[in-house]
Amino acid sequence: MLSTHPILVSANPKPSLDRIISIVTPDLESQDHILRYQLPVAVRRHRIGLVVLDSVAANYRAEFERPGASKNGANMAKRLAQLPTGKELYAKLR
C-alpha cells in the first residue's frame, strides 16, 4: 500500500508501518490472556499511545455458534462479563 498509493509514494518523509504492533488472538483463551497480561506489558515496553481492539466478539461468536454450543446465550453472556472493563485495562496500562 505504501509503495503504490499515489500520495504516499511521493511523501517526504516516507511513511512507515515500523511502529505498528499487531497481536493476533486466535481463540478465547489466548484473547483473554493477551488482554489481561500481554497488552499491559506491550503498552509499557513500547510506549504505545493508542490501542485499537478490532472484532473482540468474533472469538465469542466462533466459540458459541459452533455445533453443540448452548443456544440460549447465557454462557456467552457469562464469558463476556469476565472480560476486563475499559477502566480495568486502563488501570493496568498506567
N, C-alpha and C. Protein backbone atom coordinates (compact mmCIF):
# COMPACT_ATOMS: atom_id res chain seq x y z
N MET A 1 0.83 -1.18 0.00
CA MET A 1 0.00 0.00 0.00
C MET A 1 0.88 1.25 0.00
N LEU A 2 1.91 1.25 0.84
CA LEU A 2 2.77 2.43 0.90
C LEU A 2 3.53 2.68 -0.40
N SER A 3 3.84 1.61 -1.13
CA SER A 3 4.62 1.77 -2.35
C SER A 3 3.77 2.01 -3.60
N THR A 4 2.45 1.87 -3.49
CA THR A 4 1.61 2.05 -4.68
C THR A 4 0.62 3.21 -4.58
N HIS A 5 0.39 3.73 -3.38
CA HIS A 5 -0.56 4.83 -3.23
C HIS A 5 0.04 6.11 -3.83
N PRO A 6 -0.69 6.81 -4.70
CA PRO A 6 -0.13 7.96 -5.42
C PRO A 6 0.39 9.08 -4.50
N ILE A 7 -0.25 9.31 -3.40
CA ILE A 7 0.20 10.37 -2.48
C ILE A 7 1.34 9.88 -1.60
N LEU A 8 1.23 8.65 -1.11
CA LEU A 8 2.24 8.13 -0.18
C LEU A 8 3.58 7.86 -0.87
N VAL A 9 3.56 7.53 -2.16
CA VAL A 9 4.79 7.25 -2.90
C VAL A 9 5.71 8.47 -2.91
N SER A 10 5.11 9.65 -3.05
CA SER A 10 5.93 10.86 -3.14
C SER A 10 6.05 11.62 -1.82
N ALA A 11 5.52 11.08 -0.76
CA ALA A 11 5.57 11.76 0.54
C ALA A 11 7.00 11.87 1.05
N ASN A 12 7.27 12.99 1.70
CA ASN A 12 8.59 13.19 2.30
C ASN A 12 8.39 13.79 3.69
N PRO A 13 8.76 13.12 4.75
CA PRO A 13 9.44 11.82 4.79
C PRO A 13 8.48 10.68 4.45
N LYS A 14 9.06 9.58 4.04
CA LYS A 14 8.27 8.40 3.67
C LYS A 14 7.54 7.86 4.89
N PRO A 15 6.23 7.58 4.75
CA PRO A 15 5.50 6.96 5.86
C PRO A 15 6.00 5.54 6.09
N SER A 16 5.84 5.07 7.31
CA SER A 16 6.32 3.74 7.67
C SER A 16 5.31 3.04 8.57
N LEU A 17 5.29 1.74 8.49
CA LEU A 17 4.47 0.94 9.39
C LEU A 17 5.33 0.29 10.48
N ASP A 18 6.56 0.75 10.61
CA ASP A 18 7.51 0.16 11.56
C ASP A 18 7.04 0.26 13.01
N ARG A 19 6.25 1.26 13.34
CA ARG A 19 5.84 1.44 14.73
C ARG A 19 4.44 0.88 15.00
N ILE A 20 3.95 0.04 14.11
CA ILE A 20 2.65 -0.61 14.27
C ILE A 20 2.89 -2.01 14.84
N ILE A 21 2.20 -2.31 15.93
CA ILE A 21 2.31 -3.64 16.54
C ILE A 21 0.95 -4.31 16.43
N SER A 22 0.94 -5.53 15.96
CA SER A 22 -0.31 -6.28 15.82
C SER A 22 -0.19 -7.57 16.61
N ILE A 23 -1.22 -7.86 17.39
CA ILE A 23 -1.26 -9.10 18.16
C ILE A 23 -2.52 -9.85 17.75
N VAL A 24 -2.37 -11.06 17.29
CA VAL A 24 -3.49 -11.88 16.83
C VAL A 24 -4.01 -12.71 18.00
N THR A 25 -5.33 -12.77 18.12
CA THR A 25 -5.96 -13.58 19.17
C THR A 25 -6.79 -14.68 18.51
N PRO A 26 -6.20 -15.86 18.35
CA PRO A 26 -6.88 -16.92 17.59
C PRO A 26 -8.06 -17.59 18.30
N ASP A 27 -8.12 -17.48 19.62
CA ASP A 27 -9.23 -18.12 20.33
C ASP A 27 -9.51 -17.37 21.63
N LEU A 28 -10.58 -17.77 22.31
CA LEU A 28 -11.00 -17.08 23.53
C LEU A 28 -9.94 -17.10 24.62
N GLU A 29 -9.33 -18.25 24.82
CA GLU A 29 -8.34 -18.37 25.90
C GLU A 29 -7.15 -17.44 25.66
N SER A 30 -6.62 -17.45 24.44
CA SER A 30 -5.47 -16.58 24.15
C SER A 30 -5.90 -15.11 24.16
N GLN A 31 -7.10 -14.81 23.69
CA GLN A 31 -7.58 -13.43 23.71
C GLN A 31 -7.63 -12.90 25.14
N ASP A 32 -8.18 -13.68 26.04
CA ASP A 32 -8.27 -13.27 27.43
C ASP A 32 -6.87 -13.04 28.02
N HIS A 33 -5.95 -13.97 27.75
CA HIS A 33 -4.59 -13.84 28.25
C HIS A 33 -3.90 -12.59 27.69
N ILE A 34 -4.07 -12.36 26.42
CA ILE A 34 -3.44 -11.20 25.78
C ILE A 34 -4.00 -9.90 26.36
N LEU A 35 -5.32 -9.81 26.51
CA LEU A 35 -5.91 -8.58 27.04
C LEU A 35 -5.51 -8.32 28.49
N ARG A 36 -5.45 -9.38 29.28
CA ARG A 36 -5.15 -9.21 30.70
C ARG A 36 -3.67 -9.04 31.01
N TYR A 37 -2.81 -9.72 30.28
CA TYR A 37 -1.39 -9.75 30.65
C TYR A 37 -0.45 -9.17 29.60
N GLN A 38 -0.57 -9.61 28.34
CA GLN A 38 0.38 -9.18 27.33
C GLN A 38 0.18 -7.73 26.90
N LEU A 39 -1.06 -7.29 26.77
CA LEU A 39 -1.32 -5.92 26.33
C LEU A 39 -0.72 -4.89 27.29
N PRO A 40 -0.96 -4.99 28.60
CA PRO A 40 -0.35 -4.00 29.50
C PRO A 40 1.18 -3.97 29.42
N VAL A 41 1.80 -5.13 29.27
CA VAL A 41 3.26 -5.20 29.15
C VAL A 41 3.71 -4.54 27.85
N ALA A 42 3.03 -4.85 26.76
CA ALA A 42 3.39 -4.27 25.45
C ALA A 42 3.24 -2.76 25.45
N VAL A 43 2.19 -2.26 26.09
CA VAL A 43 1.96 -0.80 26.14
C VAL A 43 3.10 -0.11 26.88
N ARG A 44 3.52 -0.67 28.01
CA ARG A 44 4.62 -0.07 28.76
C ARG A 44 5.95 -0.21 28.02
N ARG A 45 6.22 -1.39 27.50
CA ARG A 45 7.50 -1.67 26.86
C ARG A 45 7.71 -0.83 25.60
N HIS A 46 6.66 -0.67 24.80
CA HIS A 46 6.79 0.02 23.51
C HIS A 46 6.26 1.45 23.54
N ARG A 47 5.89 1.92 24.74
CA ARG A 47 5.35 3.28 24.90
C ARG A 47 4.22 3.55 23.90
N ILE A 48 3.26 2.65 23.88
CA ILE A 48 2.12 2.73 22.95
C ILE A 48 1.18 3.83 23.39
N GLY A 49 0.74 4.63 22.44
CA GLY A 49 -0.18 5.72 22.73
C GLY A 49 -1.61 5.44 22.32
N LEU A 50 -1.83 4.45 21.48
CA LEU A 50 -3.18 4.13 21.00
C LEU A 50 -3.31 2.62 20.87
N VAL A 51 -4.39 2.09 21.42
CA VAL A 51 -4.70 0.66 21.29
C VAL A 51 -6.02 0.55 20.55
N VAL A 52 -6.02 -0.24 19.48
CA VAL A 52 -7.24 -0.47 18.70
C VAL A 52 -7.61 -1.94 18.87
N LEU A 53 -8.79 -2.18 19.40
CA LEU A 53 -9.30 -3.55 19.54
C LEU A 53 -10.34 -3.76 18.45
N ASP A 54 -10.09 -4.71 17.59
CA ASP A 54 -10.99 -4.97 16.47
C ASP A 54 -11.59 -6.36 16.61
N SER A 55 -12.88 -6.44 16.51
CA SER A 55 -13.60 -7.72 16.49
C SER A 55 -13.36 -8.57 17.72
N VAL A 56 -13.42 -7.96 18.89
CA VAL A 56 -13.25 -8.70 20.14
C VAL A 56 -14.30 -9.79 20.26
N ALA A 57 -15.50 -9.53 19.80
CA ALA A 57 -16.59 -10.51 19.92
C ALA A 57 -16.49 -11.65 18.93
N ALA A 58 -15.61 -11.55 17.93
CA ALA A 58 -15.52 -12.61 16.91
C ALA A 58 -15.19 -13.96 17.53
N ASN A 59 -14.27 -14.00 18.48
CA ASN A 59 -13.92 -15.27 19.12
C ASN A 59 -15.08 -15.81 19.96
N TYR A 60 -15.89 -14.92 20.51
CA TYR A 60 -17.06 -15.38 21.26
C TYR A 60 -18.09 -15.98 20.31
N ARG A 61 -18.31 -15.32 19.19
CA ARG A 61 -19.26 -15.87 18.22
C ARG A 61 -18.79 -17.23 17.73
N ALA A 62 -17.51 -17.35 17.40
CA ALA A 62 -16.97 -18.63 16.91
C ALA A 62 -17.14 -19.72 17.96
N GLU A 63 -16.90 -19.37 19.20
CA GLU A 63 -16.99 -20.35 20.30
C GLU A 63 -18.43 -20.79 20.55
N PHE A 64 -19.37 -19.86 20.51
CA PHE A 64 -20.73 -20.16 20.93
C PHE A 64 -21.69 -20.45 19.78
N GLU A 65 -21.24 -20.32 18.55
CA GLU A 65 -22.10 -20.65 17.41
C GLU A 65 -21.72 -21.97 16.79
N ARG A 66 -20.77 -22.66 17.36
CA ARG A 66 -20.37 -23.96 16.81
C ARG A 66 -21.43 -25.01 17.14
N PRO A 67 -21.47 -26.10 16.40
CA PRO A 67 -22.46 -27.16 16.68
C PRO A 67 -22.31 -27.68 18.11
N GLY A 68 -23.42 -27.83 18.78
CA GLY A 68 -23.42 -28.35 20.15
C GLY A 68 -23.28 -27.26 21.21
N ALA A 69 -23.05 -26.04 20.82
CA ALA A 69 -22.93 -24.95 21.79
C ALA A 69 -24.32 -24.54 22.26
N SER A 70 -24.37 -24.00 23.46
CA SER A 70 -25.63 -23.55 24.03
C SER A 70 -26.26 -22.47 23.16
N LYS A 71 -27.54 -22.57 22.92
CA LYS A 71 -28.23 -21.61 22.07
C LYS A 71 -28.87 -20.47 22.87
N ASN A 72 -28.89 -20.56 24.20
CA ASN A 72 -29.59 -19.54 24.97
C ASN A 72 -28.77 -18.29 25.24
N GLY A 73 -27.49 -18.32 24.94
CA GLY A 73 -26.67 -17.13 25.11
C GLY A 73 -26.19 -16.89 26.53
N ALA A 74 -26.64 -17.67 27.48
CA ALA A 74 -26.24 -17.45 28.87
C ALA A 74 -24.74 -17.67 29.06
N ASN A 75 -24.20 -18.70 28.42
CA ASN A 75 -22.76 -18.94 28.55
C ASN A 75 -21.95 -17.81 27.92
N MET A 76 -22.42 -17.33 26.78
CA MET A 76 -21.72 -16.24 26.11
C MET A 76 -21.76 -14.98 26.98
N ALA A 77 -22.89 -14.69 27.55
CA ALA A 77 -23.02 -13.51 28.41
C ALA A 77 -22.11 -13.64 29.63
N LYS A 78 -22.01 -14.83 30.16
CA LYS A 78 -21.14 -15.06 31.32
C LYS A 78 -19.68 -14.81 30.96
N ARG A 79 -19.24 -15.32 29.80
CA ARG A 79 -17.87 -15.11 29.36
C ARG A 79 -17.60 -13.64 29.05
N LEU A 80 -18.54 -12.97 28.41
CA LEU A 80 -18.36 -11.54 28.11
C LEU A 80 -18.23 -10.73 29.39
N ALA A 81 -18.97 -11.12 30.42
CA ALA A 81 -18.89 -10.40 31.70
C ALA A 81 -17.53 -10.58 32.35
N GLN A 82 -16.81 -11.63 31.99
CA GLN A 82 -15.49 -11.87 32.56
C GLN A 82 -14.39 -11.04 31.91
N LEU A 83 -14.68 -10.42 30.77
CA LEU A 83 -13.70 -9.58 30.11
C LEU A 83 -13.36 -8.39 31.00
N PRO A 84 -12.11 -7.98 31.00
CA PRO A 84 -11.78 -6.78 31.77
C PRO A 84 -12.48 -5.56 31.17
N THR A 85 -12.93 -4.67 32.01
CA THR A 85 -13.57 -3.45 31.51
C THR A 85 -12.51 -2.48 31.01
N GLY A 86 -12.95 -1.48 30.28
CA GLY A 86 -12.02 -0.45 29.82
C GLY A 86 -11.30 0.19 30.99
N LYS A 87 -12.02 0.40 32.08
CA LYS A 87 -11.43 1.01 33.28
C LYS A 87 -10.35 0.11 33.86
N GLU A 88 -10.61 -1.19 33.91
CA GLU A 88 -9.61 -2.13 34.44
C GLU A 88 -8.38 -2.18 33.54
N LEU A 89 -8.57 -2.21 32.21
CA LEU A 89 -7.45 -2.20 31.30
C LEU A 89 -6.64 -0.92 31.44
N TYR A 90 -7.32 0.20 31.55
CA TYR A 90 -6.63 1.48 31.68
C TYR A 90 -5.79 1.51 32.96
N ALA A 91 -6.34 0.98 34.05
CA ALA A 91 -5.59 0.95 35.31
C ALA A 91 -4.32 0.13 35.18
N LYS A 92 -4.38 -0.99 34.45
CA LYS A 92 -3.19 -1.82 34.25
C LYS A 92 -2.17 -1.15 33.34
N LEU A 93 -2.65 -0.32 32.42
CA LEU A 93 -1.76 0.30 31.44
C LEU A 93 -1.02 1.50 32.01
N ARG A 94 -1.50 2.03 33.11
CA ARG A 94 -0.86 3.22 33.70
C ARG A 94 0.40 2.91 34.42
